[in-house]
PDB file of all heavy atoms in Angstrom:
ATOM      1  N   MET A   1     -42.871 -46.766  79.279  1.00  0.00           N
ATOM      2  CA  MET A   1     -41.627 -46.413  78.321  1.00  0.00           C
ATOM      3  C   MET A   1     -40.807 -45.249  78.998  1.00  0.00           C
ATOM      4  O   MET A   1     -39.610 -45.396  78.994  1.00  0.00           O
ATOM      5  CB  MET A   1     -42.115 -46.066  76.983  1.00  0.00           C
ATOM      6  CG  MET A   1     -41.020 -45.861  76.054  1.00  0.00           C
ATOM      7  SD  MET A   1     -39.989 -47.355  75.612  1.00  0.00           S
ATOM      8  CE  MET A   1     -40.797 -48.007  74.318  1.00  0.00           C
ATOM      9  N   GLN A   2     -41.374 -44.304  79.553  1.00  0.00           N
ATOM     10  CA  GLN A   2     -40.796 -43.218  80.051  1.00  0.00           C
ATOM     11  C   GLN A   2     -39.822 -43.542  81.296  1.00  0.00           C
ATOM     12  O   GLN A   2     -38.717 -43.246  81.353  1.00  0.00           O
ATOM     13  CB  GLN A   2     -41.730 -42.127  80.517  1.00  0.00           C
ATOM     14  CG  GLN A   2     -41.080 -40.894  81.071  1.00  0.00           C
ATOM     15  CD  GLN A   2     -40.704 -39.931  79.990  1.00  0.00           C
ATOM     16  OE1 GLN A   2     -40.987 -40.117  78.873  1.00  0.00           O
ATOM     17  NE2 GLN A   2     -39.744 -38.976  80.429  1.00  0.00           N
ATOM     18  N   LYS A   3     -40.378 -44.483  82.071  1.00  0.00           N
ATOM     19  CA  LYS A   3     -39.688 -45.120  83.281  1.00  0.00           C
ATOM     20  C   LYS A   3     -38.479 -45.823  82.782  1.00  0.00           C
ATOM     21  O   LYS A   3     -37.364 -45.578  83.325  1.00  0.00           O
ATOM     22  CB  LYS A   3     -40.414 -45.990  84.070  1.00  0.00           C
ATOM     23  CG  LYS A   3     -41.304 -45.329  85.213  1.00  0.00           C
ATOM     24  CD  LYS A   3     -41.958 -46.233  85.966  1.00  0.00           C
ATOM     25  CE  LYS A   3     -42.831 -45.584  87.107  1.00  0.00           C
ATOM     26  NZ  LYS A   3     -43.379 -46.546  88.023  1.00  0.00           N
ATOM     27  N   LEU A   4     -38.538 -46.552  81.863  1.00  0.00           N
ATOM     28  CA  LEU A   4     -37.634 -47.371  81.200  1.00  0.00           C
ATOM     29  C   LEU A   4     -36.331 -46.671  80.734  1.00  0.00           C
ATOM     30  O   LEU A   4     -35.237 -46.826  81.016  1.00  0.00           O
ATOM     31  CB  LEU A   4     -38.020 -48.390  80.244  1.00  0.00           C
ATOM     32  CG  LEU A   4     -36.944 -49.391  79.580  1.00  0.00           C
ATOM     33  CD1 LEU A   4     -36.190 -50.127  80.620  1.00  0.00           C
ATOM     34  CD2 LEU A   4     -37.636 -50.192  78.437  1.00  0.00           C
ATOM     35  N   THR A   5     -36.753 -45.589  79.919  1.00  0.00           N
ATOM     36  CA  THR A   5     -35.722 -44.802  79.265  1.00  0.00           C
ATOM     37  C   THR A   5     -35.000 -43.867  80.309  1.00  0.00           C
ATOM     38  O   THR A   5     -33.851 -43.691  80.282  1.00  0.00           O
ATOM     39  CB  THR A   5     -36.258 -43.821  78.139  1.00  0.00           C
ATOM     40  OG1 THR A   5     -37.201 -43.060  78.703  1.00  0.00           O
ATOM     41  CG2 THR A   5     -36.893 -44.639  77.028  1.00  0.00           C
ATOM     42  N   GLY A   6     -35.678 -43.554  81.355  1.00  0.00           N
ATOM     43  CA  GLY A   6     -35.131 -42.759  82.380  1.00  0.00           C
ATOM     44  C   GLY A   6     -34.118 -43.592  83.122  1.00  0.00           C
ATOM     45  O   GLY A   6     -32.989 -43.117  83.453  1.00  0.00           O
ATOM     46  N   LYS A   7     -34.353 -44.960  83.399  1.00  0.00           N
ATOM     47  CA  LYS A   7     -33.379 -45.786  84.022  1.00  0.00           C
ATOM     48  C   LYS A   7     -32.198 -46.054  83.190  1.00  0.00           C
ATOM     49  O   LYS A   7     -30.981 -46.014  83.675  1.00  0.00           O
ATOM     50  CB  LYS A   7     -34.094 -47.018  84.383  1.00  0.00           C
ATOM     51  CG  LYS A   7     -34.982 -47.036  85.493  1.00  0.00           C
ATOM     52  CD  LYS A   7     -35.623 -48.480  85.888  1.00  0.00           C
ATOM     53  CE  LYS A   7     -36.589 -48.368  86.912  1.00  0.00           C
ATOM     54  NZ  LYS A   7     -37.323 -49.605  87.092  1.00  0.00           N
ATOM     55  N   LEU A   8     -32.315 -46.170  81.827  1.00  0.00           N
ATOM     56  CA  LEU A   8     -31.341 -46.558  81.061  1.00  0.00           C
ATOM     57  C   LEU A   8     -30.361 -45.275  80.816  1.00  0.00           C
ATOM     58  O   LEU A   8     -29.202 -45.526  80.620  1.00  0.00           O
ATOM     59  CB  LEU A   8     -31.905 -46.939  79.616  1.00  0.00           C
ATOM     60  CG  LEU A   8     -32.633 -48.302  79.590  1.00  0.00           C
ATOM     61  CD1 LEU A   8     -33.185 -48.397  78.235  1.00  0.00           C
ATOM     62  CD2 LEU A   8     -31.787 -49.397  79.935  1.00  0.00           C
ATOM     63  N   SER A   9     -30.934 -44.096  80.935  1.00  0.00           N
ATOM     64  CA  SER A   9     -30.012 -42.914  80.579  1.00  0.00           C
ATOM     65  C   SER A   9     -29.481 -42.268  81.954  1.00  0.00           C
ATOM     66  O   SER A   9     -28.872 -41.264  81.803  1.00  0.00           O
ATOM     67  CB  SER A   9     -30.881 -41.871  79.820  1.00  0.00           C
ATOM     68  OG  SER A   9     -32.002 -41.443  80.679  1.00  0.00           O
ATOM     69  N   SER A  10     -29.773 -42.879  83.030  1.00  0.00           N
ATOM     70  CA  SER A  10     -29.187 -42.173  84.225  1.00  0.00           C
ATOM     71  C   SER A  10     -28.238 -43.172  85.029  1.00  0.00           C
ATOM     72  O   SER A  10     -28.484 -43.543  86.182  1.00  0.00           O
ATOM     73  CB  SER A  10     -30.387 -41.734  85.194  1.00  0.00           C
ATOM     74  OG  SER A  10     -31.013 -42.950  85.514  1.00  0.00           O
ATOM     75  N   VAL A  11     -27.223 -43.665  84.336  1.00  0.00           N
ATOM     76  CA  VAL A  11     -26.255 -44.424  84.995  1.00  0.00           C
ATOM     77  C   VAL A  11     -25.316 -43.654  85.828  1.00  0.00           C
ATOM     78  O   VAL A  11     -24.723 -42.685  85.405  1.00  0.00           O
ATOM     79  CB  VAL A  11     -25.455 -45.132  83.888  1.00  0.00           C
ATOM     80  CG1 VAL A  11     -24.318 -46.056  84.469  1.00  0.00           C
ATOM     81  CG2 VAL A  11     -26.260 -46.038  82.933  1.00  0.00           C
ATOM     82  N   LYS A  12     -25.324 -44.035  87.074  1.00  0.00           N
ATOM     83  CA  LYS A  12     -24.477 -43.281  88.170  1.00  0.00           C
ATOM     84  C   LYS A  12     -23.062 -43.971  88.315  1.00  0.00           C
ATOM     85  O   LYS A  12     -22.914 -45.158  88.250  1.00  0.00           O
ATOM     86  CB  LYS A  12     -25.193 -43.182  89.375  1.00  0.00           C
ATOM     87  CG  LYS A  12     -26.602 -42.540  89.441  1.00  0.00           C
ATOM     88  CD  LYS A  12     -26.415 -41.023  89.327  1.00  0.00           C
ATOM     89  CE  LYS A  12     -27.903 -40.525  89.346  1.00  0.00           C
ATOM     90  NZ  LYS A  12     -28.091 -39.271  88.630  1.00  0.00           N
ATOM     91  N   GLY A  13     -22.152 -43.126  88.736  1.00  0.00           N
ATOM     92  CA  GLY A  13     -20.801 -43.680  89.158  1.00  0.00           C
ATOM     93  C   GLY A  13     -20.031 -44.141  87.935  1.00  0.00           C
ATOM     94  O   GLY A  13     -18.985 -44.972  88.093  1.00  0.00           O
ATOM     95  N   ALA A  14     -20.334 -43.498  86.725  1.00  0.00           N
ATOM     96  CA  ALA A  14     -19.522 -43.940  85.628  1.00  0.00           C
ATOM     97  C   ALA A  14     -18.195 -43.226  85.544  1.00  0.00           C
ATOM     98  O   ALA A  14     -17.999 -42.229  86.257  1.00  0.00           O
ATOM     99  CB  ALA A  14     -20.200 -43.461  84.195  1.00  0.00           C
ATOM    100  N   PRO A  15     -17.093 -43.848  84.907  1.00  0.00           N
ATOM    101  CA  PRO A  15     -15.802 -43.347  85.016  1.00  0.00           C
ATOM    102  C   PRO A  15     -15.855 -41.921  84.456  1.00  0.00           C
ATOM    103  O   PRO A  15     -14.952 -41.057  84.764  1.00  0.00           O
ATOM    104  CB  PRO A  15     -15.061 -44.241  84.103  1.00  0.00           C
ATOM    105  CG  PRO A  15     -15.718 -45.519  84.075  1.00  0.00           C
ATOM    106  CD  PRO A  15     -17.155 -45.254  84.346  1.00  0.00           C
ATOM    107  N   ARG A  16     -16.791 -41.587  83.581  1.00  0.00           N
ATOM    108  CA  ARG A  16     -16.781 -40.259  82.939  1.00  0.00           C
ATOM    109  C   ARG A  16     -17.089 -39.188  84.024  1.00  0.00           C
ATOM    110  O   ARG A  16     -16.693 -38.149  83.879  1.00  0.00           O
ATOM    111  CB  ARG A  16     -17.856 -40.180  81.930  1.00  0.00           C
ATOM    112  CG  ARG A  16     -17.541 -41.100  80.662  1.00  0.00           C
ATOM    113  CD  ARG A  16     -18.559 -41.134  79.797  1.00  0.00           C
ATOM    114  NE  ARG A  16     -18.016 -41.957  78.559  1.00  0.00           N
ATOM    115  CZ  ARG A  16     -18.910 -42.533  77.637  1.00  0.00           C
ATOM    116  NH1 ARG A  16     -20.181 -42.105  77.598  1.00  0.00           N
ATOM    117  NH2 ARG A  16     -18.323 -43.102  76.721  1.00  0.00           N
ATOM    118  N   ASP A  17     -17.768 -39.612  85.072  1.00  0.00           N
ATOM    119  CA  ASP A  17     -18.013 -38.596  86.267  1.00  0.00           C
ATOM    120  C   ASP A  17     -16.698 -38.236  86.856  1.00  0.00           C
ATOM    121  O   ASP A  17     -16.468 -37.128  87.279  1.00  0.00           O
ATOM    122  CB  ASP A  17     -18.905 -39.210  87.206  1.00  0.00           C
ATOM    123  CG  ASP A  17     -20.405 -39.365  86.792  1.00  0.00           C
ATOM    124  OD1 ASP A  17     -20.715 -38.633  85.871  1.00  0.00           O
ATOM    125  OD2 ASP A  17     -21.082 -40.275  87.344  1.00  0.00           O
ATOM    126  N   GLU A  18     -15.818 -39.261  87.079  1.00  0.00           N
ATOM    127  CA  GLU A  18     -14.560 -39.102  87.583  1.00  0.00           C
ATOM    128  C   GLU A  18     -13.815 -38.124  86.744  1.00  0.00           C
ATOM    129  O   GLU A  18     -12.965 -37.291  87.181  1.00  0.00           O
ATOM    130  CB  GLU A  18     -13.843 -40.385  87.754  1.00  0.00           C
ATOM    131  CG  GLU A  18     -14.527 -41.252  88.890  1.00  0.00           C
ATOM    132  CD  GLU A  18     -14.042 -42.646  88.877  1.00  0.00           C
ATOM    133  OE1 GLU A  18     -12.891 -42.885  88.390  1.00  0.00           O
ATOM    134  OE2 GLU A  18     -14.564 -43.542  89.445  1.00  0.00           O
ATOM    135  N   ILE A  19     -13.805 -38.419  85.389  1.00  0.00           N
ATOM    136  CA  ILE A  19     -13.057 -37.591  84.500  1.00  0.00           C
ATOM    137  C   ILE A  19     -13.533 -36.141  84.498  1.00  0.00           C
ATOM    138  O   ILE A  19     -12.685 -35.208  84.565  1.00  0.00           O
ATOM    139  CB  ILE A  19     -13.190 -38.096  83.021  1.00  0.00           C
ATOM    140  CG1 ILE A  19     -12.563 -39.393  82.935  1.00  0.00           C
ATOM    141  CG2 ILE A  19     -12.545 -37.155  81.988  1.00  0.00           C
ATOM    142  CD1 ILE A  19     -12.809 -40.191  81.612  1.00  0.00           C
ATOM    143  N   ALA A  20     -14.715 -35.848  84.644  1.00  0.00           N
ATOM    144  CA  ALA A  20     -15.340 -34.528  84.739  1.00  0.00           C
ATOM    145  C   ALA A  20     -14.887 -33.816  85.934  1.00  0.00           C
ATOM    146  O   ALA A  20     -14.485 -32.682  85.927  1.00  0.00           O
ATOM    147  CB  ALA A  20     -16.894 -34.677  84.584  1.00  0.00           C
ATOM    148  N   GLN A  21     -14.700 -34.592  87.064  1.00  0.00           N
ATOM    149  CA  GLN A  21     -14.163 -34.049  88.348  1.00  0.00           C
ATOM    150  C   GLN A  21     -12.792 -33.574  88.274  1.00  0.00           C
ATOM    151  O   GLN A  21     -12.377 -32.546  88.658  1.00  0.00           O
ATOM    152  CB  GLN A  21     -14.343 -35.016  89.396  1.00  0.00           C
ATOM    153  CG  GLN A  21     -15.826 -35.254  89.891  1.00  0.00           C
ATOM    154  CD  GLN A  21     -16.437 -33.873  90.461  1.00  0.00           C
ATOM    155  OE1 GLN A  21     -15.634 -33.113  91.095  1.00  0.00           O
ATOM    156  NE2 GLN A  21     -17.642 -33.695  90.093  1.00  0.00           N
ATOM    157  N   ARG A  22     -11.902 -34.366  87.412  1.00  0.00           N
ATOM    158  CA  ARG A  22     -10.645 -34.003  87.289  1.00  0.00           C
ATOM    159  C   ARG A  22     -10.340 -32.805  86.528  1.00  0.00           C
ATOM    160  O   ARG A  22      -9.438 -32.148  86.595  1.00  0.00           O
ATOM    161  CB  ARG A  22      -9.866 -35.139  86.686  1.00  0.00           C
ATOM    162  CG  ARG A  22      -9.534 -36.258  87.669  1.00  0.00           C
ATOM    163  CD  ARG A  22      -8.546 -37.327  87.101  1.00  0.00           C
ATOM    164  NE  ARG A  22      -9.376 -38.456  86.679  1.00  0.00           N
ATOM    165  CZ  ARG A  22      -9.166 -39.291  85.745  1.00  0.00           C
ATOM    166  NH1 ARG A  22      -8.121 -39.021  84.866  1.00  0.00           N
ATOM    167  NH2 ARG A  22      -9.983 -40.289  85.470  1.00  0.00           N
ATOM    168  N   TYR A  23     -11.329 -32.484  85.519  1.00  0.00           N
ATOM    169  CA  TYR A  23     -11.233 -31.339  84.680  1.00  0.00           C
ATOM    170  C   TYR A  23     -11.974 -30.127  85.247  1.00  0.00           C
ATOM    171  O   TYR A  23     -12.180 -29.110  84.441  1.00  0.00           O
ATOM    172  CB  TYR A  23     -11.731 -31.683  83.297  1.00  0.00           C
ATOM    173  CG  TYR A  23     -10.781 -32.469  82.643  1.00  0.00           C
ATOM    174  CD1 TYR A  23     -10.752 -33.897  82.576  1.00  0.00           C
ATOM    175  CD2 TYR A  23      -9.705 -31.894  81.905  1.00  0.00           C
ATOM    176  CE1 TYR A  23      -9.864 -34.661  81.799  1.00  0.00           C
ATOM    177  CE2 TYR A  23      -8.751 -32.712  81.169  1.00  0.00           C
ATOM    178  CZ  TYR A  23      -8.793 -34.113  81.184  1.00  0.00           C
ATOM    179  OH  TYR A  23      -7.883 -34.866  80.580  1.00  0.00           O
ATOM    180  N   GLN A  24     -12.438 -30.070  86.410  1.00  0.00           N
ATOM    181  CA  GLN A  24     -13.130 -28.847  86.918  1.00  0.00           C
ATOM    182  C   GLN A  24     -12.332 -27.640  86.889  1.00  0.00           C
ATOM    183  O   GLN A  24     -13.003 -26.581  86.526  1.00  0.00           O
ATOM    184  CB  GLN A  24     -13.519 -29.161  88.463  1.00  0.00           C
ATOM    185  CG  GLN A  24     -14.754 -30.122  88.549  1.00  0.00           C
ATOM    186  CD  GLN A  24     -15.978 -29.527  88.122  1.00  0.00           C
ATOM    187  OE1 GLN A  24     -16.401 -28.455  88.351  1.00  0.00           O
ATOM    188  NE2 GLN A  24     -16.802 -30.361  87.364  1.00  0.00           N
ATOM    189  N   ALA A  25     -11.087 -27.645  86.983  1.00  0.00           N
ATOM    190  CA  ALA A  25     -10.273 -26.455  86.938  1.00  0.00           C
ATOM    191  C   ALA A  25     -10.337 -25.830  85.524  1.00  0.00           C
ATOM    192  O   ALA A  25     -10.160 -24.651  85.415  1.00  0.00           O
ATOM    193  CB  ALA A  25      -8.909 -26.839  87.272  1.00  0.00           C
ATOM    194  N   ALA A  26     -10.547 -26.642  84.562  1.00  0.00           N
ATOM    195  CA  ALA A  26     -10.672 -26.155  83.175  1.00  0.00           C
ATOM    196  C   ALA A  26     -11.787 -25.169  82.984  1.00  0.00           C
ATOM    197  O   ALA A  26     -11.641 -24.226  82.060  1.00  0.00           O
ATOM    198  CB  ALA A  26     -10.698 -27.289  82.202  1.00  0.00           C
TER     199      ALA A  26
END
């Protein structure tokens, strides 16, 4: 179960990562 939940909660390359990069100056 731990492996499965780790995979489900670690999605890479999401648009939210890009948004966070744009707001680094904040």
